């Protein structure tokens, strides 16, 4: 499978992934919007999935795709924990 095909599958699944580009020191937490023959359109998101900005980059500048990371899972769990606290549900209580 080619990278372009894998990016199309990621787009169809609506996954949040980390996209690394030449000259950028850290990956962007992103949702892929479109995959062209020579470009990638994506939106940068917060760990909660909220929209921050939209970008269009040449595929030649893409250096890596992070599919899963411990930091992202930690942020997701912290976000869920905070949401439970705000709603008044004690953490760990099963419904």
N, C-alpha and C. Protein backbone atom coordinates (compact mmCIF):
# COMPACT_ATOMS: atom_id res chain seq x y z
N UNK A 1 0.85 -1.18 0.00
CA UNK A 1 0.00 0.00 0.00
C UNK A 1 0.90 1.24 0.00
N UNK A 2 0.55 2.20 -0.82
CA UNK A 2 1.29 3.45 -0.90
C UNK A 2 0.84 4.42 0.19
N UNK A 3 1.70 5.38 0.51
CA UNK A 3 1.39 6.37 1.54
C UNK A 3 0.11 7.12 1.19
N UNK A 4 -0.06 7.48 -0.07
CA UNK A 4 -1.24 8.23 -0.48
C UNK A 4 -2.51 7.40 -0.20
N UNK A 5 -2.48 6.10 -0.49
CA UNK A 5 -3.63 5.23 -0.23
C UNK A 5 -3.92 5.15 1.28
N UNK A 6 -2.87 5.08 2.06
CA UNK A 6 -3.03 5.00 3.52
C UNK A 6 -3.63 6.30 4.06
N UNK A 7 -3.19 7.44 3.52
CA UNK A 7 -3.75 8.73 3.93
C UNK A 7 -5.24 8.82 3.58
N UNK A 8 -5.61 8.27 2.44
CA UNK A 8 -7.03 8.26 2.05
C UNK A 8 -7.84 7.42 3.03
N UNK A 9 -7.30 6.29 3.46
CA UNK A 9 -7.99 5.45 4.44
C UNK A 9 -8.12 6.18 5.78
N UNK A 10 -7.06 6.87 6.19
CA UNK A 10 -7.09 7.65 7.44
C UNK A 10 -8.18 8.72 7.34
N UNK A 11 -8.28 9.38 6.19
CA UNK A 11 -9.32 10.39 5.97
C UNK A 11 -10.71 9.79 6.09
N UNK A 12 -10.93 8.65 5.47
CA UNK A 12 -12.24 8.00 5.50
C UNK A 12 -12.63 7.57 6.92
N UNK A 13 -11.64 7.18 7.73
CA UNK A 13 -11.90 6.75 9.10
C UNK A 13 -12.08 7.94 10.04
N UNK A 14 -11.68 9.15 9.60
CA UNK A 14 -11.82 10.35 10.43
C UNK A 14 -10.86 10.37 11.62
N UNK A 15 -9.76 9.62 11.52
CA UNK A 15 -8.79 9.53 12.61
C UNK A 15 -8.05 10.84 12.82
N UNK A 16 -7.72 11.13 14.08
CA UNK A 16 -6.78 12.21 14.38
C UNK A 16 -5.39 11.58 14.35
N UNK A 17 -4.48 12.19 13.60
CA UNK A 17 -3.12 11.67 13.48
C UNK A 17 -2.13 12.82 13.64
N UNK A 18 -0.88 12.47 13.90
CA UNK A 18 0.18 13.47 13.94
C UNK A 18 0.87 13.51 12.58
N UNK A 19 0.90 14.68 11.96
CA UNK A 19 1.55 14.84 10.66
C UNK A 19 2.85 15.63 10.83
N UNK A 20 3.95 15.05 10.37
CA UNK A 20 5.26 15.70 10.45
C UNK A 20 5.68 16.17 9.07
N UNK A 21 6.23 17.38 9.02
CA UNK A 21 6.66 17.96 7.75
C UNK A 21 8.10 18.45 7.86
N UNK A 22 8.75 18.57 6.72
CA UNK A 22 10.11 19.09 6.65
C UNK A 22 10.14 20.48 7.27
N UNK A 23 11.09 20.71 8.17
CA UNK A 23 11.26 22.03 8.77
C UNK A 23 10.35 22.34 9.94
N UNK A 24 9.44 21.42 10.29
CA UNK A 24 8.54 21.64 11.43
C UNK A 24 9.03 20.73 12.57
N UNK A 25 9.37 21.30 13.74
CA UNK A 25 10.00 20.51 14.80
C UNK A 25 9.09 19.50 15.50
N UNK A 26 7.77 19.65 15.39
CA UNK A 26 6.85 18.75 16.08
C UNK A 26 5.69 18.41 15.14
N UNK A 27 5.08 17.24 15.33
CA UNK A 27 3.94 16.89 14.46
C UNK A 27 2.70 17.70 14.80
N UNK A 28 1.89 17.95 13.78
CA UNK A 28 0.59 18.60 13.97
C UNK A 28 -0.44 17.52 14.28
N UNK A 29 -1.22 17.68 15.35
CA UNK A 29 -2.35 16.79 15.60
C UNK A 29 -3.44 17.22 14.62
N UNK A 30 -3.79 16.33 13.70
CA UNK A 30 -4.59 16.74 12.55
C UNK A 30 -5.66 15.74 12.17
N UNK A 31 -6.62 16.25 11.42
CA UNK A 31 -7.64 15.44 10.75
C UNK A 31 -7.46 15.68 9.26
N UNK A 32 -7.24 14.62 8.48
CA UNK A 32 -7.03 14.74 7.03
C UNK A 32 -8.38 15.03 6.37
N UNK A 33 -8.40 16.08 5.52
CA UNK A 33 -9.62 16.48 4.83
C UNK A 33 -9.65 15.99 3.38
N UNK A 34 -8.54 16.18 2.66
CA UNK A 34 -8.44 15.77 1.25
C UNK A 34 -7.02 15.30 0.96
N UNK A 35 -6.93 14.32 0.07
CA UNK A 35 -5.63 13.84 -0.39
C UNK A 35 -5.64 13.93 -1.91
N UNK A 36 -4.83 14.84 -2.45
CA UNK A 36 -4.73 14.99 -3.89
C UNK A 36 -3.55 14.18 -4.42
N UNK A 37 -3.29 14.32 -5.71
CA UNK A 37 -2.16 13.59 -6.29
C UNK A 37 -0.83 14.12 -5.78
N UNK A 38 -0.77 15.42 -5.44
CA UNK A 38 0.48 15.99 -4.98
C UNK A 38 0.33 16.91 -3.76
N UNK A 39 -0.84 16.88 -3.11
CA UNK A 39 -1.05 17.74 -1.95
C UNK A 39 -1.86 17.01 -0.88
N UNK A 40 -1.82 17.58 0.32
CA UNK A 40 -2.58 17.07 1.46
C UNK A 40 -3.25 18.27 2.12
N UNK A 41 -4.56 18.19 2.29
CA UNK A 41 -5.30 19.24 3.00
C UNK A 41 -5.73 18.66 4.34
N UNK A 42 -5.45 19.40 5.40
CA UNK A 42 -5.76 18.90 6.74
C UNK A 42 -6.09 20.06 7.66
N UNK A 43 -6.78 19.72 8.77
CA UNK A 43 -7.05 20.72 9.78
C UNK A 43 -6.32 20.32 11.05
N UNK A 44 -5.71 21.30 11.68
CA UNK A 44 -4.99 21.08 12.94
C UNK A 44 -6.01 21.19 14.06
N UNK A 45 -5.95 20.25 15.02
CA UNK A 45 -6.93 20.16 16.10
C UNK A 45 -6.25 20.19 17.47
N UNK A 46 -7.05 20.47 18.48
CA UNK A 46 -6.61 20.32 19.87
C UNK A 46 -6.73 18.84 20.22
N UNK A 47 -6.17 18.38 21.33
CA UNK A 47 -6.33 16.98 21.74
C UNK A 47 -7.80 16.56 21.90
N UNK A 48 -8.69 17.53 22.14
CA UNK A 48 -10.12 17.22 22.25
C UNK A 48 -10.79 17.10 20.89
N UNK A 49 -10.08 17.45 19.83
CA UNK A 49 -10.64 17.37 18.48
C UNK A 49 -11.23 18.68 17.99
N UNK A 50 -11.06 19.77 18.73
CA UNK A 50 -11.58 21.07 18.31
C UNK A 50 -10.69 21.67 17.21
N UNK A 51 -11.30 22.28 16.22
CA UNK A 51 -10.61 22.87 15.07
C UNK A 51 -9.76 24.07 15.48
N UNK A 52 -8.51 24.12 14.97
CA UNK A 52 -7.64 25.28 15.20
C UNK A 52 -7.34 26.01 13.90
N UNK A 53 -6.89 25.27 12.87
CA UNK A 53 -6.56 25.90 11.59
C UNK A 53 -6.57 24.86 10.48
N UNK A 54 -6.65 25.35 9.24
CA UNK A 54 -6.69 24.46 8.08
C UNK A 54 -5.47 24.74 7.20
N UNK A 55 -4.84 23.67 6.69
CA UNK A 55 -3.61 23.80 5.92
C UNK A 55 -3.68 22.99 4.63
N UNK A 56 -2.92 23.44 3.66
CA UNK A 56 -2.73 22.74 2.39
C UNK A 56 -1.23 22.64 2.18
N UNK A 57 -0.70 21.39 2.12
CA UNK A 57 0.75 21.19 2.02
C UNK A 57 1.06 20.24 0.87
N UNK A 58 2.19 20.45 0.19
CA UNK A 58 2.62 19.49 -0.81
C UNK A 58 2.97 18.16 -0.14
N UNK A 59 2.57 17.05 -0.75
CA UNK A 59 2.88 15.72 -0.19
C UNK A 59 4.38 15.49 -0.07
N UNK A 60 5.19 16.15 -0.91
CA UNK A 60 6.63 15.97 -0.87
C UNK A 60 7.24 16.43 0.45
N UNK A 61 6.54 17.32 1.17
CA UNK A 61 7.06 17.83 2.44
C UNK A 61 6.68 16.95 3.64
N UNK A 62 5.77 15.99 3.43
CA UNK A 62 5.35 15.10 4.51
C UNK A 62 6.48 14.12 4.82
N UNK A 63 6.90 14.09 6.09
CA UNK A 63 7.99 13.18 6.48
C UNK A 63 7.51 12.04 7.35
N UNK A 64 6.32 12.14 7.93
CA UNK A 64 5.84 11.05 8.78
C UNK A 64 4.42 11.25 9.25
N UNK A 65 3.80 10.12 9.63
CA UNK A 65 2.44 10.13 10.15
C UNK A 65 2.44 9.34 11.45
N UNK A 66 2.04 9.98 12.56
CA UNK A 66 1.94 9.30 13.85
C UNK A 66 0.49 8.86 14.00
N UNK A 67 0.28 7.54 14.03
CA UNK A 67 -1.08 7.02 14.12
C UNK A 67 -1.59 6.98 15.55
N UNK A 68 -0.72 6.72 16.51
CA UNK A 68 -1.12 6.67 17.92
C UNK A 68 0.06 7.08 18.77
N UNK A 69 -0.23 7.70 19.91
CA UNK A 69 0.84 8.08 20.82
C UNK A 69 0.33 8.05 22.25
N UNK A 70 1.21 7.78 23.16
CA UNK A 70 0.86 7.73 24.58
C UNK A 70 0.41 9.11 25.05
N UNK A 71 1.09 10.17 24.60
CA UNK A 71 0.71 11.53 25.00
C UNK A 71 -0.72 11.85 24.61
N UNK A 72 -1.10 11.49 23.39
CA UNK A 72 -2.46 11.78 22.93
C UNK A 72 -3.48 11.00 23.75
N UNK A 73 -3.19 9.74 24.05
CA UNK A 73 -4.10 8.95 24.86
C UNK A 73 -4.21 9.53 26.27
N UNK A 74 -3.10 10.01 26.81
CA UNK A 74 -3.12 10.64 28.13
C UNK A 74 -3.99 11.89 28.11
N UNK A 75 -3.83 12.73 27.07
CA UNK A 75 -4.65 13.95 26.96
C UNK A 75 -6.13 13.59 26.85
N UNK A 76 -6.45 12.55 26.10
CA UNK A 76 -7.84 12.13 25.94
C UNK A 76 -8.42 11.69 27.28
N UNK A 77 -7.66 10.88 28.03
CA UNK A 77 -8.14 10.43 29.34
C UNK A 77 -8.30 11.59 30.31
N UNK A 78 -7.35 12.54 30.30
CA UNK A 78 -7.46 13.71 31.17
C UNK A 78 -8.69 14.54 30.81
N UNK A 79 -8.96 14.68 29.52
CA UNK A 79 -10.12 15.43 29.07
C UNK A 79 -11.42 14.76 29.53
N UNK A 80 -11.50 13.44 29.42
CA UNK A 80 -12.68 12.71 29.87
C UNK A 80 -12.85 12.83 31.39
N UNK A 81 -11.73 12.76 32.10
CA UNK A 81 -11.76 12.88 33.56
C UNK A 81 -12.30 14.26 33.96
N UNK A 82 -11.78 15.33 33.32
CA UNK A 82 -12.24 16.69 33.61
C UNK A 82 -13.73 16.85 33.30
N UNK A 83 -14.17 16.25 32.20
CA UNK A 83 -15.57 16.34 31.80
C UNK A 83 -16.46 15.67 32.86
N UNK A 84 -16.03 14.52 33.38
CA UNK A 84 -16.80 13.84 34.43
C UNK A 84 -16.90 14.70 35.69
N UNK A 85 -15.78 15.33 36.05
CA UNK A 85 -15.76 16.20 37.24
C UNK A 85 -16.72 17.37 37.04
N UNK A 86 -16.68 18.01 35.86
CA UNK A 86 -17.53 19.17 35.59
C UNK A 86 -19.01 18.80 35.59
N UNK A 87 -19.33 17.59 35.15
CA UNK A 87 -20.73 17.15 35.10
C UNK A 87 -21.21 16.66 36.46
N UNK A 88 -20.30 16.56 37.43
CA UNK A 88 -20.68 16.15 38.77
C UNK A 88 -20.68 14.66 39.01
N UNK A 89 -20.23 13.88 38.02
CA UNK A 89 -20.14 12.44 38.22
C UNK A 89 -18.82 12.11 38.88
N UNK A 90 -18.83 11.32 39.93
CA UNK A 90 -17.56 10.93 40.52
C UNK A 90 -16.78 10.04 39.57
N UNK A 91 -15.47 10.26 39.43
CA UNK A 91 -14.66 9.46 38.53
C UNK A 91 -14.74 7.98 38.88
N UNK A 92 -14.83 7.16 37.85
CA UNK A 92 -14.82 5.72 38.05
C UNK A 92 -16.19 5.12 38.35
N UNK A 93 -17.21 5.95 38.51
CA UNK A 93 -18.54 5.42 38.81
C UNK A 93 -19.15 4.87 37.54
N UNK A 94 -19.62 3.65 37.57
CA UNK A 94 -20.25 3.08 36.39
C UNK A 94 -21.72 3.40 36.39
N UNK A 95 -22.26 3.62 35.20
CA UNK A 95 -23.67 3.99 35.07
C UNK A 95 -24.47 2.82 34.62
